[in-house]
Amino acid sequence: MATVTARQVDDEDYALLRGAAERNGRSVSEELRLLIAEHANRQRAQNRVAEVKKLRDRIGLTLPPGMTSLDLLREERGSW
């Protein structure tokens, strides 16, 4: 695992982080790791959405006018 050192953190920002950590029953390091992980998860999700949009645009996937993906699922389920 990587080790991160943050220098010159604003005192007020650190106090807010420390307060959040205390309220959540965690150490400052634990709270910071959680924040980093949450940010990374949001970024991964955004990347996946962008990939899906690129794939959709590349293959030209479109639904007929007035049809939703739920309609397609119902149609497929009805064909079983």
PDB file of N, CA and C in Angstrom:
ATOM      1  N   MET A   1       0.841  -1.182   0.000  1.00  0.00           N
ATOM      2  CA  MET A   1       0.000   0.000   0.000  1.00  0.00           C
ATOM      3  C   MET A   1       0.878   1.235   0.000  1.00  0.00           C
ATOM      4  N   ALA A   2       0.354   2.290  -0.568  1.00  0.00           N
ATOM      5  CA  ALA A   2       1.084   3.549  -0.654  1.00  0.00           C
ATOM      6  C   ALA A   2       0.997   4.307   0.670  1.00  0.00           C
ATOM      7  N   THR A   3       1.962   5.160   0.898  1.00  0.00           N
ATOM      8  CA  THR A   3       1.966   6.051   2.045  1.00  0.00           C
ATOM      9  C   THR A   3       1.910   7.481   1.527  1.00  0.00           C
ATOM     10  N   VAL A   4       1.038   8.280   2.134  1.00  0.00           N
ATOM     11  CA  VAL A   4       0.862   9.657   1.704  1.00  0.00           C
ATOM     12  C   VAL A   4       1.185  10.584   2.864  1.00  0.00           C
ATOM     13  N   THR A   5       1.907  11.645   2.581  1.00  0.00           N
ATOM     14  CA  THR A   5       2.181  12.683   3.567  1.00  0.00           C
ATOM     15  C   THR A   5       1.642  13.992   3.016  1.00  0.00           C
ATOM     16  N   ALA A   6       0.805  14.665   3.798  1.00  0.00           N
ATOM     17  CA  ALA A   6       0.260  15.958   3.380  1.00  0.00           C
ATOM     18  C   ALA A   6       0.927  17.039   4.226  1.00  0.00           C
ATOM     19  N   ARG A   7       1.582  17.946   3.568  1.00  0.00           N
ATOM     20  CA  ARG A   7       2.252  19.049   4.261  1.00  0.00           C
ATOM     21  C   ARG A   7       1.453  20.332   4.080  1.00  0.00           C
ATOM     22  N   GLN A   8       1.639  21.225   5.016  1.00  0.00           N
ATOM     23  CA  GLN A   8       1.040  22.558   4.982  1.00  0.00           C
ATOM     24  C   GLN A   8      -0.478  22.504   4.840  1.00  0.00           C
ATOM     25  N   VAL A   9      -1.099  21.622   5.603  1.00  0.00           N
ATOM     26  CA  VAL A   9      -2.557  21.539   5.642  1.00  0.00           C
ATOM     27  C   VAL A   9      -3.057  22.690   6.501  1.00  0.00           C
ATOM     28  N   ASP A  10      -4.040  23.407   6.008  1.00  0.00           N
ATOM     29  CA  ASP A  10      -4.614  24.521   6.746  1.00  0.00           C
ATOM     30  C   ASP A  10      -5.120  24.035   8.107  1.00  0.00           C
ATOM     31  N   ASP A  11      -4.823  24.802   9.155  1.00  0.00           N
ATOM     32  CA  ASP A  11      -5.206  24.400  10.512  1.00  0.00           C
ATOM     33  C   ASP A  11      -6.714  24.206  10.653  1.00  0.00           C
ATOM     34  N   GLU A  12      -7.492  25.073  10.027  1.00  0.00           N
ATOM     35  CA  GLU A  12      -8.944  24.953  10.112  1.00  0.00           C
ATOM     36  C   GLU A  12      -9.434  23.699   9.387  1.00  0.00           C
ATOM     37  N   ASP A  13      -8.842  23.406   8.235  1.00  0.00           N
ATOM     38  CA  ASP A  13      -9.203  22.191   7.499  1.00  0.00           C
ATOM     39  C   ASP A  13      -8.875  20.952   8.323  1.00  0.00           C
ATOM     40  N   TYR A  14      -7.705  20.952   8.957  1.00  0.00           N
ATOM     41  CA  TYR A  14      -7.301  19.802   9.775  1.00  0.00           C
ATOM     42  C   TYR A  14      -8.235  19.644  10.973  1.00  0.00           C
ATOM     43  N   ALA A  15      -8.611  20.769  11.570  1.00  0.00           N
ATOM     44  CA  ALA A  15      -9.519  20.704  12.719  1.00  0.00           C
ATOM     45  C   ALA A  15     -10.862  20.102  12.307  1.00  0.00           C
ATOM     46  N   LEU A  16     -11.347  20.465  11.128  1.00  0.00           N
ATOM     47  CA  LEU A  16     -12.600  19.884  10.633  1.00  0.00           C
ATOM     48  C   LEU A  16     -12.451  18.382  10.406  1.00  0.00           C
ATOM     49  N   LEU A  17     -11.324  17.982   9.823  1.00  0.00           N
ATOM     50  CA  LEU A  17     -11.067  16.561   9.588  1.00  0.00           C
ATOM     51  C   LEU A  17     -10.987  15.810  10.913  1.00  0.00           C
ATOM     52  N   ARG A  18     -10.266  16.381  11.880  1.00  0.00           N
ATOM     53  CA  ARG A  18     -10.129  15.741  13.195  1.00  0.00           C
ATOM     54  C   ARG A  18     -11.490  15.630  13.872  1.00  0.00           C
ATOM     55  N   GLY A  19     -12.325  16.688  13.757  1.00  0.00           N
ATOM     56  CA  GLY A  19     -13.662  16.646  14.350  1.00  0.00           C
ATOM     57  C   GLY A  19     -14.527  15.566  13.715  1.00  0.00           C
ATOM     58  N   ALA A  20     -14.450  15.459  12.386  1.00  0.00           N
ATOM     59  CA  ALA A  20     -15.220  14.413  11.694  1.00  0.00           C
ATOM     60  C   ALA A  20     -14.752  13.037  12.133  1.00  0.00           C
ATOM     61  N   ALA A  21     -13.439  12.875  12.259  1.00  0.00           N
ATOM     62  CA  ALA A  21     -12.895  11.583  12.692  1.00  0.00           C
ATOM     63  C   ALA A  21     -13.392  11.234  14.089  1.00  0.00           C
ATOM     64  N   GLU A  22     -13.375  12.188  14.983  1.00  0.00           N
ATOM     65  CA  GLU A  22     -13.851  11.941  16.355  1.00  0.00           C
ATOM     66  C   GLU A  22     -15.324  11.576  16.369  1.00  0.00           C
ATOM     67  N   ARG A  23     -16.130  12.317  15.603  1.00  0.00           N
ATOM     68  CA  ARG A  23     -17.571  12.019  15.561  1.00  0.00           C
ATOM     69  C   ARG A  23     -17.850  10.628  15.005  1.00  0.00           C
ATOM     70  N   ASN A  24     -16.992  10.187  14.080  1.00  0.00           N
ATOM     71  CA  ASN A  24     -17.186   8.876  13.455  1.00  0.00           C
ATOM     72  C   ASN A  24     -16.444   7.757  14.172  1.00  0.00           C
ATOM     73  N   GLY A  25     -15.782   8.093  15.282  1.00  0.00           N
ATOM     74  CA  GLY A  25     -15.071   7.071  16.063  1.00  0.00           C
ATOM     75  C   GLY A  25     -13.859   6.513  15.344  1.00  0.00           C
ATOM     76  N   ARG A  26     -13.199   7.365  14.554  1.00  0.00           N
ATOM     77  CA  ARG A  26     -12.032   6.918  13.796  1.00  0.00           C
ATOM     78  C   ARG A  26     -10.853   7.830  14.086  1.00  0.00           C
ATOM     79  N   SER A  27      -9.676   7.352  13.746  1.00  0.00           N
ATOM     80  CA  SER A  27      -8.494   8.202  13.803  1.00  0.00           C
ATOM     81  C   SER A  27      -8.503   9.138  12.599  1.00  0.00           C
ATOM     82  N   VAL A  28      -7.675  10.177  12.651  1.00  0.00           N
ATOM     83  CA  VAL A  28      -7.573  11.092  11.515  1.00  0.00           C
ATOM     84  C   VAL A  28      -7.082  10.327  10.289  1.00  0.00           C
ATOM     85  N   SER A  29      -6.129   9.421  10.473  1.00  0.00           N
ATOM     86  CA  SER A  29      -5.614   8.627   9.353  1.00  0.00           C
ATOM     87  C   SER A  29      -6.707   7.772   8.742  1.00  0.00           C
ATOM     88  N   GLU A  30      -7.503   7.146   9.613  1.00  0.00           N
ATOM     89  CA  GLU A  30      -8.607   6.317   9.112  1.00  0.00           C
ATOM     90  C   GLU A  30      -9.625   7.150   8.338  1.00  0.00           C
ATOM     91  N   GLU A  31      -9.950   8.316   8.885  1.00  0.00           N
ATOM     92  CA  GLU A  31     -10.919   9.201   8.239  1.00  0.00           C
ATOM     93  C   GLU A  31     -10.396   9.640   6.870  1.00  0.00           C
ATOM     94  N   LEU A  32      -9.126   9.976   6.813  1.00  0.00           N
ATOM     95  CA  LEU A  32      -8.527  10.405   5.562  1.00  0.00           C
ATOM     96  C   LEU A  32      -8.487   9.273   4.542  1.00  0.00           C
ATOM     97  N   ARG A  33      -8.173   8.048   4.985  1.00  0.00           N
ATOM     98  CA  ARG A  33      -8.183   6.901   4.066  1.00  0.00           C
ATOM     99  C   ARG A  33      -9.581   6.678   3.496  1.00  0.00           C
ATOM    100  N   LEU A  34     -10.595   6.836   4.350  1.00  0.00           N
ATOM    101  CA  LEU A  34     -11.974   6.674   3.896  1.00  0.00           C
ATOM    102  C   LEU A  34     -12.330   7.742   2.861  1.00  0.00           C
ATOM    103  N   LEU A  35     -11.947   8.977   3.114  1.00  0.00           N
ATOM    104  CA  LEU A  35     -12.223  10.051   2.154  1.00  0.00           C
ATOM    105  C   LEU A  35     -11.533   9.793   0.824  1.00  0.00           C
ATOM    106  N   ILE A  36     -10.299   9.335   0.873  1.00  0.00           N
ATOM    107  CA  ILE A  36      -9.572   9.025  -0.362  1.00  0.00           C
ATOM    108  C   ILE A  36     -10.261   7.889  -1.112  1.00  0.00           C
ATOM    109  N   ALA A  37     -10.668   6.849  -0.389  1.00  0.00           N
ATOM    110  CA  ALA A  37     -11.338   5.705  -1.016  1.00  0.00           C
ATOM    111  C   ALA A  37     -12.672   6.129  -1.640  1.00  0.00           C
ATOM    112  N   GLU A  38     -13.438   6.976  -0.937  1.00  0.00           N
ATOM    113  CA  GLU A  38     -14.713   7.450  -1.476  1.00  0.00           C
ATOM    114  C   GLU A  38     -14.491   8.257  -2.755  1.00  0.00           C
ATOM    115  N   HIS A  39     -13.482   9.103  -2.741  1.00  0.00           N
ATOM    116  CA  HIS A  39     -13.170   9.886  -3.940  1.00  0.00           C
ATOM    117  C   HIS A  39     -12.772   8.965  -5.092  1.00  0.00           C
ATOM    118  N   ALA A  40     -11.932   7.982  -4.802  1.00  0.00           N
ATOM    119  CA  ALA A  40     -11.487   7.040  -5.838  1.00  0.00           C
ATOM    120  C   ALA A  40     -12.673   6.257  -6.395  1.00  0.00           C
ATOM    121  N   ASN A  41     -13.599   5.838  -5.534  1.00  0.00           N
ATOM    122  CA  ASN A  41     -14.780   5.099  -5.994  1.00  0.00           C
ATOM    123  C   ASN A  41     -15.655   5.966  -6.898  1.00  0.00           C
ATOM    124  N   ARG A  42     -15.834   7.252  -6.539  1.00  0.00           N
ATOM    125  CA  ARG A  42     -16.605   8.152  -7.401  1.00  0.00           C
ATOM    126  C   ARG A  42     -15.923   8.314  -8.753  1.00  0.00           C
ATOM    127  N   GLN A  43     -14.594   8.437  -8.736  1.00  0.00           N
ATOM    128  CA  GLN A  43     -13.852   8.601  -9.985  1.00  0.00           C
ATOM    129  C   GLN A  43     -13.976   7.354 -10.857  1.00  0.00           C
ATOM    130  N   ARG A  44     -13.867   6.163 -10.228  1.00  0.00           N
ATOM    131  CA  ARG A  44     -14.023   4.917 -10.987  1.00  0.00           C
ATOM    132  C   ARG A  44     -15.410   4.836 -11.616  1.00  0.00           C
ATOM    133  N   ALA A  45     -16.430   5.222 -10.852  1.00  0.00           N
ATOM    134  CA  ALA A  45     -17.801   5.186 -11.378  1.00  0.00           C
ATOM    135  C   ALA A  45     -17.944   6.152 -12.553  1.00  0.00           C
ATOM    136  N   GLN A  46     -17.385   7.349 -12.435  1.00  0.00           N
ATOM    137  CA  GLN A  46     -17.445   8.309 -13.532  1.00  0.00           C
ATOM    138  C   GLN A  46     -16.731   7.760 -14.762  1.00  0.00           C
ATOM    139  N   ASN A  47     -15.604   7.097 -14.552  1.00  0.00           N
ATOM    140  CA  ASN A  47     -14.869   6.503 -15.671  1.00  0.00           C
ATOM    141  C   ASN A  47     -15.693   5.421 -16.349  1.00  0.00           C
ATOM    142  N   ARG A  48     -16.388   4.600 -15.565  1.00  0.00           N
ATOM    143  CA  ARG A  48     -17.220   3.539 -16.142  1.00  0.00           C
ATOM    144  C   ARG A  48     -18.361   4.126 -16.962  1.00  0.00           C
ATOM    145  N   VAL A  49     -18.987   5.161 -16.436  1.00  0.00           N
ATOM    146  CA  VAL A  49     -20.074   5.810 -17.176  1.00  0.00           C
ATOM    147  C   VAL A  49     -19.554   6.357 -18.494  1.00  0.00           C
ATOM    148  N   ALA A  50     -18.391   6.988 -18.466  1.00  0.00           N
ATOM    149  CA  ALA A  50     -17.802   7.529 -19.694  1.00  0.00           C
ATOM    150  C   ALA A  50     -17.505   6.410 -20.694  1.00  0.00           C
ATOM    151  N   GLU A  51     -17.007   5.260 -20.202  1.00  0.00           N
ATOM    152  CA  GLU A  51     -16.725   4.129 -21.085  1.00  0.00           C
ATOM    153  C   GLU A  51     -18.004   3.601 -21.720  1.00  0.00           C
ATOM    154  N   VAL A  52     -19.059   3.495 -20.933  1.00  0.00           N
ATOM    155  CA  VAL A  52     -20.332   2.996 -21.453  1.00  0.00           C
ATOM    156  C   VAL A  52     -20.883   3.963 -22.501  1.00  0.00           C
ATOM    157  N   LYS A  53     -20.764   5.266 -22.229  1.00  0.00           N
ATOM    158  CA  LYS A  53     -21.254   6.247 -23.207  1.00  0.00           C
ATOM    159  C   LYS A  53     -20.457   6.157 -24.506  1.00  0.00           C
ATOM    160  N   LYS A  54     -19.142   5.964 -24.394  1.00  0.00           N
ATOM    161  CA  LYS A  54     -18.329   5.820 -25.607  1.00  0.00           C
ATOM    162  C   LYS A  54     -18.736   4.571 -26.380  1.00  0.00           C
ATOM    163  N   LEU A  55     -18.964   3.474 -25.666  1.00  0.00           N
ATOM    164  CA  LEU A  55     -19.387   2.232 -26.310  1.00  0.00           C
ATOM    165  C   LEU A  55     -20.742   2.421 -26.981  1.00  0.00           C
ATOM    166  N   ARG A  56     -21.657   3.059 -26.271  1.00  0.00           N
ATOM    167  CA  ARG A  56     -22.989   3.307 -26.838  1.00  0.00           C
ATOM    168  C   ARG A  56     -22.881   4.135 -28.119  1.00  0.00           C
ATOM    169  N   ASP A  57     -22.065   5.173 -28.076  1.00  0.00           N
ATOM    170  CA  ASP A  57     -21.894   6.023 -29.254  1.00  0.00           C
ATOM    171  C   ASP A  57     -21.214   5.262 -30.393  1.00  0.00           C
ATOM    172  N   ARG A  58     -20.257   4.405 -30.043  1.00  0.00           N
ATOM    173  CA  ARG A  58     -19.525   3.660 -31.069  1.00  0.00           C
ATOM    174  C   ARG A  58     -20.413   2.651 -31.782  1.00  0.00           C
ATOM    175  N   ILE A  59     -21.272   1.960 -31.020  1.00  0.00           N
ATOM    176  CA  ILE A  59     -22.102   0.940 -31.660  1.00  0.00           C
ATOM    177  C   ILE A  59     -23.456   1.492 -32.102  1.00  0.00           C
ATOM    178  N   GLY A  60     -23.718   2.749 -31.752  1.00  0.00           N
ATOM    179  CA  GLY A  60     -24.954   3.373 -32.217  1.00  0.00           C
ATOM    180  C   GLY A  60     -26.206   2.796 -31.589  1.00  0.00           C
ATOM    181  N   LEU A  61     -26.120   2.403 -30.340  1.00  0.00           N
ATOM    182  CA  LEU A  61     -27.271   1.821 -29.664  1.00  0.00           C
ATOM    183  C   LEU A  61     -28.290   2.905 -29.328  1.00  0.00           C
ATOM    184  N   THR A  62     -29.463   2.768 -29.885  1.00  0.00           N
ATOM    185  CA  THR A  62     -30.557   3.689 -29.576  1.00  0.00           C
ATOM    186  C   THR A  62     -31.843   2.892 -29.444  1.00  0.00           C
ATOM    187  N   LEU A  63     -32.736   3.398 -28.660  1.00  0.00           N
ATOM    188  CA  LEU A  63     -34.043   2.776 -28.486  1.00  0.00           C
ATOM    189  C   LEU A  63     -35.030   3.416 -29.444  1.00  0.00           C
ATOM    190  N   PRO A  64     -36.021   2.668 -29.859  1.00  0.00           N
ATOM    191  CA  PRO A  64     -37.071   3.267 -30.691  1.00  0.00           C
ATOM    192  C   PRO A  64     -37.749   4.407 -29.922  1.00  0.00           C
ATOM    193  N   PRO A  65     -38.261   5.383 -30.624  1.00  0.00           N
ATOM    194  CA  PRO A  65     -38.918   6.515 -29.950  1.00  0.00           C
ATOM    195  C   PRO A  65     -40.018   6.024 -29.011  1.00  0.00           C
ATOM    196  N   GLY A  66     -40.027   6.581 -27.809  1.00  0.00           N
ATOM    197  CA  GLY A  66     -41.051   6.238 -26.824  1.00  0.00           C
ATOM    198  C   GLY A  66     -40.790   4.957 -26.052  1.00  0.00           C
ATOM    199  N   MET A  67     -39.718   4.244 -26.373  1.00  0.00           N
ATOM    200  CA  MET A  67     -39.420   2.982 -25.690  1.00  0.00           C
ATOM    201  C   MET A  67     -38.314   3.214 -24.657  1.00  0.00           C
ATOM    202  N   THR A  68     -38.462   2.547 -23.522  1.00  0.00           N
ATOM    203  CA  THR A  68     -37.449   2.632 -22.477  1.00  0.00           C
ATOM    204  C   THR A  68     -36.763   1.279 -22.341  1.00  0.00           C
ATOM    205  N   SER A  69     -35.672   1.270 -21.599  1.00  0.00           N
ATOM    206  CA  SER A  69     -34.976   0.007 -21.359  1.00  0.00           C
ATOM    207  C   SER A  69     -35.873  -0.964 -20.594  1.00  0.00           C
ATOM    208  N   LEU A  70     -36.767  -0.437 -19.762  1.00  0.00           N
ATOM    209  CA  LEU A  70     -37.707  -1.295 -19.045  1.00  0.00           C
ATOM    210  C   LEU A  70     -38.655  -1.993 -20.017  1.00  0.00           C
ATOM    211  N   ASP A  71     -39.079  -1.277 -21.043  1.00  0.00           N
ATOM    212  CA  ASP A  71     -39.930  -1.889 -22.073  1.00  0.00           C
ATOM    213  C   ASP A  71     -39.202  -3.044 -22.755  1.00  0.00           C
ATOM    214  N   LEU A  72     -37.918  -2.830 -23.038  1.00  0.00           N
ATOM    215  CA  LEU A  72     -37.128  -3.904 -23.669  1.00  0.00           C
ATOM    216  C   LEU A  72     -37.012  -5.117 -22.761  1.00  0.00           C
ATOM    217  N   LEU A  73     -36.784  -4.873 -21.476  1.00  0.00           N
ATOM    218  CA  LEU A  73     -36.693  -5.996 -20.533  1.00  0.00           C
ATOM    219  C   LEU A  73     -38.003  -6.766 -20.470  1.00  0.00           C
ATOM    220  N   ARG A  74     -39.112  -6.041 -20.421  1.00  0.00           N
ATOM    221  CA  ARG A  74     -40.419  -6.705 -20.379  1.00  0.00           C
ATOM    222  C   ARG A  74     -40.667  -7.517 -21.648  1.00  0.00           C
ATOM    223  N   GLU A  75     -40.270  -6.943 -22.773  1.00  0.00           N
ATOM    224  CA  GLU A  75     -40.432  -7.625 -24.049  1.00  0.00           C
ATOM    225  C   GLU A  75     -39.598  -8.915 -24.067  1.00  0.00           C
ATOM    226  N   GLU A  76     -38.368  -8.812 -23.618  1.00  0.00           N
ATOM    227  CA  GLU A  76     -37.494  -9.993 -23.571  1.00  0.00           C
ATOM    228  C   GLU A  76     -38.038 -11.034 -22.597  1.00  0.00           C
ATOM    229  N   ARG A  77     -38.482 -10.598 -21.436  1.00  0.00           N
ATOM    230  CA  ARG A  77     -39.021 -11.536 -20.459  1.00  0.00           C
ATOM    231  C   ARG A  77     -40.255 -12.241 -21.019  1.00  0.00           C
ATOM    232  N   GLY A  78     -41.049 -11.517 -21.802  1.00  0.00           N
ATOM    233  CA  GLY A  78     -42.251 -12.113 -22.385  1.00  0.00           C
ATOM    234  C   GLY A  78     -41.942 -13.163 -23.451  1.00  0.00           C
ATOM    235  N   SER A  79     -40.725 -13.170 -23.970  1.00  0.00           N
ATOM    236  CA  SER A  79     -40.382 -14.125 -25.019  1.00  0.00           C
ATOM    237  C   SER A  79     -39.879 -15.464 -24.470  1.00  0.00           C
ATOM    238  N   TRP A  80     -39.794 -15.610 -23.179  1.00  0.00           N
ATOM    239  CA  TRP A  80     -39.291 -16.858 -22.582  1.00  0.00           C
ATOM    240  C   TRP A  80     -40.290 -17.936 -22.732  1.00  0.00           C
TER     241      TRP A  80
END
